[in-house]
Amino acid sequence: MVDSQRTFPAPSDKLTEIRRARESGEGFSSIKHVALYFDVSIATIYNWMNQGVIPKAYKIGGRRRFKNSELAKAEALHEQV
């Protein structure tokens, strides 16, 4: 298959999918998806983890994932401040 024939989700579609998963509080999100959600770099996500701004990620299958429910709680806490 030629690359020009493939259909890729539009960035806004992917962001909508990430928002929906994050706001539902179910499942896990990758560091990349969390960075897209907050519109920051992946390095910022690591900095936030080290500073305690967001919860530490779990290692699942050798990859780091965040529980969406924990991210929602952390975000709500920081919005109050």
PDB file of N, CA and C in Angstrom:
ATOM      1  N   MET A   1       0.850  -1.182   0.000  1.00  0.00           N
ATOM      2  CA  MET A   1       0.000   0.000   0.000  1.00  0.00           C
ATOM      3  C   MET A   1       0.895   1.244   0.000  1.00  0.00           C
ATOM      4  N   VAL A   2       0.594   2.151  -0.834  1.00  0.00           N
ATOM      5  CA  VAL A   2       1.335   3.398  -0.928  1.00  0.00           C
ATOM      6  C   VAL A   2       0.901   4.314   0.204  1.00  0.00           C
ATOM      7  N   ASP A   3       1.865   5.040   0.804  1.00  0.00           N
ATOM      8  CA  ASP A   3       1.555   5.918   1.930  1.00  0.00           C
ATOM      9  C   ASP A   3       0.461   6.929   1.614  1.00  0.00           C
ATOM     10  N   SER A   4       0.423   7.391   0.379  1.00  0.00           N
ATOM     11  CA  SER A   4      -0.580   8.408   0.038  1.00  0.00           C
ATOM     12  C   SER A   4      -1.997   7.844   0.071  1.00  0.00           C
ATOM     13  N   GLN A   5      -2.133   6.515   0.086  1.00  0.00           N
ATOM     14  CA  GLN A   5      -3.455   5.908   0.112  1.00  0.00           C
ATOM     15  C   GLN A   5      -3.928   5.616   1.526  1.00  0.00           C
ATOM     16  N   ARG A   6      -3.030   5.691   2.484  1.00  0.00           N
ATOM     17  CA  ARG A   6      -3.414   5.429   3.870  1.00  0.00           C
ATOM     18  C   ARG A   6      -4.204   6.598   4.420  1.00  0.00           C
ATOM     19  N   THR A   7      -5.103   6.277   5.313  1.00  0.00           N
ATOM     20  CA  THR A   7      -5.841   7.337   5.984  1.00  0.00           C
ATOM     21  C   THR A   7      -5.389   7.393   7.438  1.00  0.00           C
ATOM     22  N   PHE A   8      -4.954   8.537   7.854  1.00  0.00           N
ATOM     23  CA  PHE A   8      -4.516   8.751   9.218  1.00  0.00           C
ATOM     24  C   PHE A   8      -5.514   9.658   9.914  1.00  0.00           C
ATOM     25  N   PRO A   9      -5.764   9.419  11.201  1.00  0.00           N
ATOM     26  CA  PRO A   9      -6.708  10.297  11.900  1.00  0.00           C
ATOM     27  C   PRO A   9      -6.159  11.722  11.970  1.00  0.00           C
ATOM     28  N   ALA A  10      -7.024  12.668  11.796  1.00  0.00           N
ATOM     29  CA  ALA A  10      -6.619  14.070  11.903  1.00  0.00           C
ATOM     30  C   ALA A  10      -6.188  14.335  13.336  1.00  0.00           C
ATOM     31  N   PRO A  11      -5.233  15.260  13.550  1.00  0.00           N
ATOM     32  CA  PRO A  11      -4.782  15.546  14.914  1.00  0.00           C
ATOM     33  C   PRO A  11      -5.924  15.886  15.860  1.00  0.00           C
ATOM     34  N   SER A  12      -6.920  16.600  15.370  1.00  0.00           N
ATOM     35  CA  SER A  12      -8.036  16.969  16.236  1.00  0.00           C
ATOM     36  C   SER A  12      -8.854  15.738  16.627  1.00  0.00           C
ATOM     37  N   ASP A  13      -8.949  14.752  15.708  1.00  0.00           N
ATOM     38  CA  ASP A  13      -9.654  13.511  16.028  1.00  0.00           C
ATOM     39  C   ASP A  13      -8.918  12.748  17.117  1.00  0.00           C
ATOM     40  N   LYS A  14      -7.594  12.702  17.035  1.00  0.00           N
ATOM     41  CA  LYS A  14      -6.784  11.994  18.022  1.00  0.00           C
ATOM     42  C   LYS A  14      -6.896  12.688  19.368  1.00  0.00           C
ATOM     43  N   LEU A  15      -6.858  14.007  19.369  1.00  0.00           N
ATOM     44  CA  LEU A  15      -6.984  14.762  20.608  1.00  0.00           C
ATOM     45  C   LEU A  15      -8.356  14.552  21.237  1.00  0.00           C
ATOM     46  N   THR A  16      -9.393  14.483  20.421  1.00  0.00           N
ATOM     47  CA  THR A  16     -10.741  14.218  20.922  1.00  0.00           C
ATOM     48  C   THR A  16     -10.800  12.841  21.568  1.00  0.00           C
ATOM     49  N   GLU A  17     -10.167  11.873  20.926  1.00  0.00           N
ATOM     50  CA  GLU A  17     -10.120  10.513  21.467  1.00  0.00           C
ATOM     51  C   GLU A  17      -9.370  10.490  22.801  1.00  0.00           C
ATOM     52  N   ILE A  18      -8.267  11.210  22.891  1.00  0.00           N
ATOM     53  CA  ILE A  18      -7.476  11.283  24.122  1.00  0.00           C
ATOM     54  C   ILE A  18      -8.291  11.956  25.221  1.00  0.00           C
ATOM     55  N   ARG A  19      -8.949  13.059  24.892  1.00  0.00           N
ATOM     56  CA  ARG A  19      -9.781  13.765  25.884  1.00  0.00           C
ATOM     57  C   ARG A  19     -10.886  12.870  26.417  1.00  0.00           C
ATOM     58  N   ARG A  20     -11.529  12.150  25.525  1.00  0.00           N
ATOM     59  CA  ARG A  20     -12.636  11.275  25.915  1.00  0.00           C
ATOM     60  C   ARG A  20     -12.143  10.190  26.887  1.00  0.00           C
ATOM     61  N   ALA A  21     -11.007   9.584  26.572  1.00  0.00           N
ATOM     62  CA  ALA A  21     -10.452   8.543  27.432  1.00  0.00           C
ATOM     63  C   ALA A  21     -10.027   9.126  28.774  1.00  0.00           C
ATOM     64  N   ARG A  22      -9.397  10.292  28.761  1.00  0.00           N
ATOM     65  CA  ARG A  22      -8.906  10.932  29.975  1.00  0.00           C
ATOM     66  C   ARG A  22     -10.054  11.356  30.879  1.00  0.00           C
ATOM     67  N   GLU A  23     -11.069  11.938  30.290  1.00  0.00           N
ATOM     68  CA  GLU A  23     -12.192  12.452  31.077  1.00  0.00           C
ATOM     69  C   GLU A  23     -13.083  11.335  31.610  1.00  0.00           C
ATOM     70  N   SER A  24     -13.079  10.180  30.939  1.00  0.00           N
ATOM     71  CA  SER A  24     -13.874   9.055  31.436  1.00  0.00           C
ATOM     72  C   SER A  24     -13.252   8.476  32.697  1.00  0.00           C
ATOM     73  N   GLY A  25     -11.941   8.665  32.859  1.00  0.00           N
ATOM     74  CA  GLY A  25     -11.253   8.140  34.027  1.00  0.00           C
ATOM     75  C   GLY A  25     -10.973   6.656  33.933  1.00  0.00           C
ATOM     76  N   GLU A  26     -11.260   6.060  32.805  1.00  0.00           N
ATOM     77  CA  GLU A  26     -11.040   4.629  32.634  1.00  0.00           C
ATOM     78  C   GLU A  26      -9.788   4.377  31.806  1.00  0.00           C
ATOM     79  N   GLY A  27      -9.083   3.311  32.136  1.00  0.00           N
ATOM     80  CA  GLY A  27      -7.937   2.908  31.337  1.00  0.00           C
ATOM     81  C   GLY A  27      -6.675   3.705  31.625  1.00  0.00           C
ATOM     82  N   PHE A  28      -5.759   3.623  30.683  1.00  0.00           N
ATOM     83  CA  PHE A  28      -4.446   4.237  30.836  1.00  0.00           C
ATOM     84  C   PHE A  28      -4.130   5.108  29.630  1.00  0.00           C
ATOM     85  N   SER A  29      -3.240   6.091  29.832  1.00  0.00           N
ATOM     86  CA  SER A  29      -2.768   6.953  28.754  1.00  0.00           C
ATOM     87  C   SER A  29      -1.254   6.932  28.719  1.00  0.00           C
ATOM     88  N   SER A  30      -0.698   7.012  27.526  1.00  0.00           N
ATOM     89  CA  SER A  30       0.755   7.053  27.371  1.00  0.00           C
ATOM     90  C   SER A  30       1.274   8.453  27.699  1.00  0.00           C
ATOM     91  N   ILE A  31       2.569   8.536  27.879  1.00  0.00           N
ATOM     92  CA  ILE A  31       3.188   9.840  28.137  1.00  0.00           C
ATOM     93  C   ILE A  31       2.937  10.774  26.960  1.00  0.00           C
ATOM     94  N   LYS A  32       3.025  10.236  25.755  1.00  0.00           N
ATOM     95  CA  LYS A  32       2.780  11.038  24.553  1.00  0.00           C
ATOM     96  C   LYS A  32       1.360  11.600  24.541  1.00  0.00           C
ATOM     97  N   HIS A  33       0.389  10.780  24.897  1.00  0.00           N
ATOM     98  CA  HIS A  33      -1.004  11.237  24.906  1.00  0.00           C
ATOM     99  C   HIS A  33      -1.241  12.282  25.990  1.00  0.00           C
ATOM    100  N   VAL A  34      -0.610  12.111  27.147  1.00  0.00           N
ATOM    101  CA  VAL A  34      -0.750  13.107  28.214  1.00  0.00           C
ATOM    102  C   VAL A  34      -0.131  14.432  27.778  1.00  0.00           C
ATOM    103  N   ALA A  35       1.012  14.360  27.098  1.00  0.00           N
ATOM    104  CA  ALA A  35       1.651  15.578  26.591  1.00  0.00           C
ATOM    105  C   ALA A  35       0.757  16.275  25.568  1.00  0.00           C
ATOM    106  N   LEU A  36       0.122  15.505  24.688  1.00  0.00           N
ATOM    107  CA  LEU A  36      -0.802  16.094  23.713  1.00  0.00           C
ATOM    108  C   LEU A  36      -1.999  16.733  24.411  1.00  0.00           C
ATOM    109  N   TYR A  37      -2.523  16.049  25.411  1.00  0.00           N
ATOM    110  CA  TYR A  37      -3.696  16.549  26.146  1.00  0.00           C
ATOM    111  C   TYR A  37      -3.402  17.899  26.800  1.00  0.00           C
ATOM    112  N   PHE A  38      -2.236  18.001  27.457  1.00  0.00           N
ATOM    113  CA  PHE A  38      -1.885  19.242  28.148  1.00  0.00           C
ATOM    114  C   PHE A  38      -1.155  20.236  27.250  1.00  0.00           C
ATOM    115  N   ASP A  39      -0.897  19.847  26.004  1.00  0.00           N
ATOM    116  CA  ASP A  39      -0.213  20.693  25.019  1.00  0.00           C
ATOM    117  C   ASP A  39       1.166  21.132  25.533  1.00  0.00           C
ATOM    118  N   VAL A  40       1.932  20.152  26.021  1.00  0.00           N
ATOM    119  CA  VAL A  40       3.297  20.391  26.488  1.00  0.00           C
ATOM    120  C   VAL A  40       4.199  19.312  25.890  1.00  0.00           C
ATOM    121  N   SER A  41       5.502  19.464  26.088  1.00  0.00           N
ATOM    122  CA  SER A  41       6.444  18.480  25.567  1.00  0.00           C
ATOM    123  C   SER A  41       6.490  17.250  26.476  1.00  0.00           C
ATOM    124  N   ILE A  42       7.027  16.185  25.946  1.00  0.00           N
ATOM    125  CA  ILE A  42       7.192  14.958  26.726  1.00  0.00           C
ATOM    126  C   ILE A  42       8.155  15.209  27.891  1.00  0.00           C
ATOM    127  N   ALA A  43       9.171  16.029  27.669  1.00  0.00           N
ATOM    128  CA  ALA A  43      10.120  16.371  28.740  1.00  0.00           C
ATOM    129  C   ALA A  43       9.400  17.057  29.900  1.00  0.00           C
ATOM    130  N   THR A  44       8.422  17.892  29.598  1.00  0.00           N
ATOM    131  CA  THR A  44       7.648  18.567  30.647  1.00  0.00           C
ATOM    132  C   THR A  44       6.870  17.544  31.469  1.00  0.00           C
ATOM    133  N   ILE A  45       6.339  16.528  30.817  1.00  0.00           N
ATOM    134  CA  ILE A  45       5.609  15.481  31.546  1.00  0.00           C
ATOM    135  C   ILE A  45       6.546  14.788  32.530  1.00  0.00           C
ATOM    136  N   TYR A  46       7.760  14.455  32.092  1.00  0.00           N
ATOM    137  CA  TYR A  46       8.736  13.847  33.002  1.00  0.00           C
ATOM    138  C   TYR A  46       9.075  14.799  34.153  1.00  0.00           C
ATOM    139  N   ASN A  47       9.244  16.077  33.852  1.00  0.00           N
ATOM    140  CA  ASN A  47       9.527  17.064  34.905  1.00  0.00           C
ATOM    141  C   ASN A  47       8.377  17.130  35.897  1.00  0.00           C
ATOM    142  N   TRP A  48       7.147  17.150  35.398  1.00  0.00           N
ATOM    143  CA  TRP A  48       5.980  17.203  36.274  1.00  0.00           C
ATOM    144  C   TRP A  48       5.899  15.967  37.164  1.00  0.00           C
ATOM    145  N   MET A  49       6.259  14.794  36.608  1.00  0.00           N
ATOM    146  CA  MET A  49       6.268  13.573  37.427  1.00  0.00           C
ATOM    147  C   MET A  49       7.290  13.701  38.555  1.00  0.00           C
ATOM    148  N   ASN A  50       8.482  14.176  38.221  1.00  0.00           N
ATOM    149  CA  ASN A  50       9.542  14.311  39.224  1.00  0.00           C
ATOM    150  C   ASN A  50       9.213  15.359  40.281  1.00  0.00           C
ATOM    151  N   GLN A  51       8.447  16.383  39.908  1.00  0.00           N
ATOM    152  CA  GLN A  51       8.074  17.451  40.835  1.00  0.00           C
ATOM    153  C   GLN A  51       6.805  17.122  41.614  1.00  0.00           C
ATOM    154  N   GLY A  52       6.136  16.044  41.255  1.00  0.00           N
ATOM    155  CA  GLY A  52       4.912  15.649  41.947  1.00  0.00           C
ATOM    156  C   GLY A  52       3.671  16.377  41.472  1.00  0.00           C
ATOM    157  N   VAL A  53       3.766  17.067  40.341  1.00  0.00           N
ATOM    158  CA  VAL A  53       2.617  17.787  39.789  1.00  0.00           C
ATOM    159  C   VAL A  53       1.568  16.794  39.291  1.00  0.00           C
ATOM    160  N   ILE A  54       2.027  15.726  38.664  1.00  0.00           N
ATOM    161  CA  ILE A  54       1.147  14.653  38.227  1.00  0.00           C
ATOM    162  C   ILE A  54       1.664  13.351  38.841  1.00  0.00           C
ATOM    163  N   PRO A  55       0.798  12.342  38.973  1.00  0.00           N
ATOM    164  CA  PRO A  55       1.238  11.089  39.595  1.00  0.00           C
ATOM    165  C   PRO A  55       2.278  10.373  38.737  1.00  0.00           C
ATOM    166  N   LYS A  56       3.052   9.532  39.372  1.00  0.00           N
ATOM    167  CA  LYS A  56       4.038   8.719  38.656  1.00  0.00           C
ATOM    168  C   LYS A  56       3.317   7.759  37.715  1.00  0.00           C
ATOM    169  N   ALA A  57       3.982   7.452  36.624  1.00  0.00           N
ATOM    170  CA  ALA A  57       3.426   6.526  35.647  1.00  0.00           C
ATOM    171  C   ALA A  57       3.735   5.087  36.062  1.00  0.00           C
ATOM    172  N   TYR A  58       2.871   4.176  35.642  1.00  0.00           N
ATOM    173  CA  TYR A  58       3.083   2.755  35.864  1.00  0.00           C
ATOM    174  C   TYR A  58       3.824   2.184  34.668  1.00  0.00           C
ATOM    175  N   LYS A  59       4.676   1.212  34.914  1.00  0.00           N
ATOM    176  CA  LYS A  59       5.355   0.546  33.814  1.00  0.00           C
ATOM    177  C   LYS A  59       4.551  -0.691  33.444  1.00  0.00           C
ATOM    178  N   ILE A  60       4.016  -0.692  32.246  1.00  0.00           N
ATOM    179  CA  ILE A  60       3.203  -1.804  31.755  1.00  0.00           C
ATOM    180  C   ILE A  60       3.816  -2.272  30.437  1.00  0.00           C
ATOM    181  N   GLY A  61       4.291  -3.499  30.428  1.00  0.00           N
ATOM    182  CA  GLY A  61       4.908  -4.015  29.207  1.00  0.00           C
ATOM    183  C   GLY A  61       6.122  -3.227  28.779  1.00  0.00           C
ATOM    184  N   GLY A  62       6.859  -2.690  29.751  1.00  0.00           N
ATOM    185  CA  GLY A  62       8.059  -1.924  29.440  1.00  0.00           C
ATOM    186  C   GLY A  62       7.790  -0.480  29.035  1.00  0.00           C
ATOM    187  N   ARG A  63       6.541  -0.079  29.039  1.00  0.00           N
ATOM    188  CA  ARG A  63       6.186   1.303  28.674  1.00  0.00           C
ATOM    189  C   ARG A  63       5.487   1.966  29.847  1.00  0.00           C
ATOM    190  N   ARG A  64       5.655   3.255  29.946  1.00  0.00           N
ATOM    191  CA  ARG A  64       5.050   4.003  31.044  1.00  0.00           C
ATOM    192  C   ARG A  64       3.644   4.453  30.656  1.00  0.00           C
ATOM    193  N   ARG A  65       2.714   4.211  31.570  1.00  0.00           N
ATOM    194  CA  ARG A  65       1.313   4.580  31.362  1.00  0.00           C
ATOM    195  C   ARG A  65       0.779   5.253  32.621  1.00  0.00           C
ATOM    196  N   PHE A  66      -0.125   6.181  32.420  1.00  0.00           N
ATOM    197  CA  PHE A  66      -0.790   6.866  33.530  1.00  0.00           C
ATOM    198  C   PHE A  66      -2.205   6.342  33.653  1.00  0.00           C
ATOM    199  N   LYS A  67      -2.653   6.155  34.886  1.00  0.00           N
ATOM    200  CA  LYS A  67      -4.063   5.830  35.103  1.00  0.00           C
ATOM    201  C   LYS A  67      -4.855   7.100  34.851  1.00  0.00           C
ATOM    202  N   ASN A  68      -5.840   7.024  33.983  1.00  0.00           N
ATOM    203  CA  ASN A  68      -6.640   8.208  33.670  1.00  0.00           C
ATOM    204  C   ASN A  68      -7.376   8.738  34.898  1.00  0.00           C
ATOM    205  N   SER A  69      -7.800   7.849  35.786  1.00  0.00           N
ATOM    206  CA  SER A  69      -8.503   8.299  36.990  1.00  0.00           C
ATOM    207  C   SER A  69      -7.582   9.126  37.893  1.00  0.00           C
ATOM    208  N   GLU A  70      -6.305   8.739  37.995  1.00  0.00           N
ATOM    209  CA  GLU A  70      -5.355   9.490  38.814  1.00  0.00           C
ATOM    210  C   GLU A  70      -5.022  10.841  38.181  1.00  0.00           C
ATOM    211  N   LEU A  71      -4.937  10.875  36.859  1.00  0.00           N
ATOM    212  CA  LEU A  71      -4.689  12.143  36.170  1.00  0.00           C
ATOM    213  C   LEU A  71      -5.853  13.111  36.368  1.00  0.00           C
ATOM    214  N   ALA A  72      -7.075  12.583  36.329  1.00  0.00           N
ATOM    215  CA  ALA A  72      -8.254  13.429  36.520  1.00  0.00           C
ATOM    216  C   ALA A  72      -8.260  14.039  37.918  1.00  0.00           C
ATOM    217  N   LYS A  73      -7.916  13.231  38.924  1.00  0.00           N
ATOM    218  CA  LYS A  73      -7.848  13.737  40.305  1.00  0.00           C
ATOM    219  C   LYS A  73      -6.771  14.806  40.445  1.00  0.00           C
ATOM    220  N   ALA A  74      -5.603  14.564  39.864  1.00  0.00           N
ATOM    221  CA  ALA A  74      -4.501  15.527  39.937  1.00  0.00           C
ATOM    222  C   ALA A  74      -4.864  16.835  39.244  1.00  0.00           C
ATOM    223  N   GLU A  75      -5.512  16.714  38.100  1.00  0.00           N
ATOM    224  CA  GLU A  75      -5.916  17.918  37.358  1.00  0.00           C
ATOM    225  C   GLU A  75      -6.944  18.720  38.145  1.00  0.00           C
ATOM    226  N   ALA A  76      -7.895  18.042  38.757  1.00  0.00           N
ATOM    227  CA  ALA A  76      -8.919  18.725  39.564  1.00  0.00           C
ATOM    228  C   ALA A  76      -8.281  19.418  40.757  1.00  0.00           C
ATOM    229  N   LEU A  77      -7.313  18.777  41.376  1.00  0.00           N
ATOM    230  CA  LEU A  77      -6.611  19.363  42.518  1.00  0.00           C
ATOM    231  C   LEU A  77      -5.880  20.641  42.135  1.00  0.00           C
ATOM    232  N   HIS A  78      -5.195  20.605  40.989  1.00  0.00           N
ATOM    233  CA  HIS A  78      -4.415  21.763  40.544  1.00  0.00           C
ATOM    234  C   HIS A  78      -5.293  22.892  40.025  1.00  0.00           C
ATOM    235  N   GLU A  79      -6.485  22.575  39.578  1.00  0.00           N
ATOM    236  CA  GLU A  79      -7.402  23.621  39.115  1.00  0.00           C
ATOM    237  C   GLU A  79      -7.940  24.423  40.287  1.00  0.00           C
ATOM    238  N   GLN A  80      -8.021  23.783  41.469  1.00  0.00           N
ATOM    239  CA  GLN A  80      -8.522  24.469  42.666  1.00  0.00           C
ATOM    240  C   GLN A  80      -7.504  25.461  43.215  1.00  0.00           C
ATOM    241  N   VAL A  81      -6.238  25.221  42.949  1.00  0.00           N
ATOM    242  CA  VAL A  81      -5.172  26.071  43.519  1.00  0.00           C
ATOM    243  C   VAL A  81      -5.071  27.370  42.775  1.00  0.00           C
TER     244      VAL A  81
END
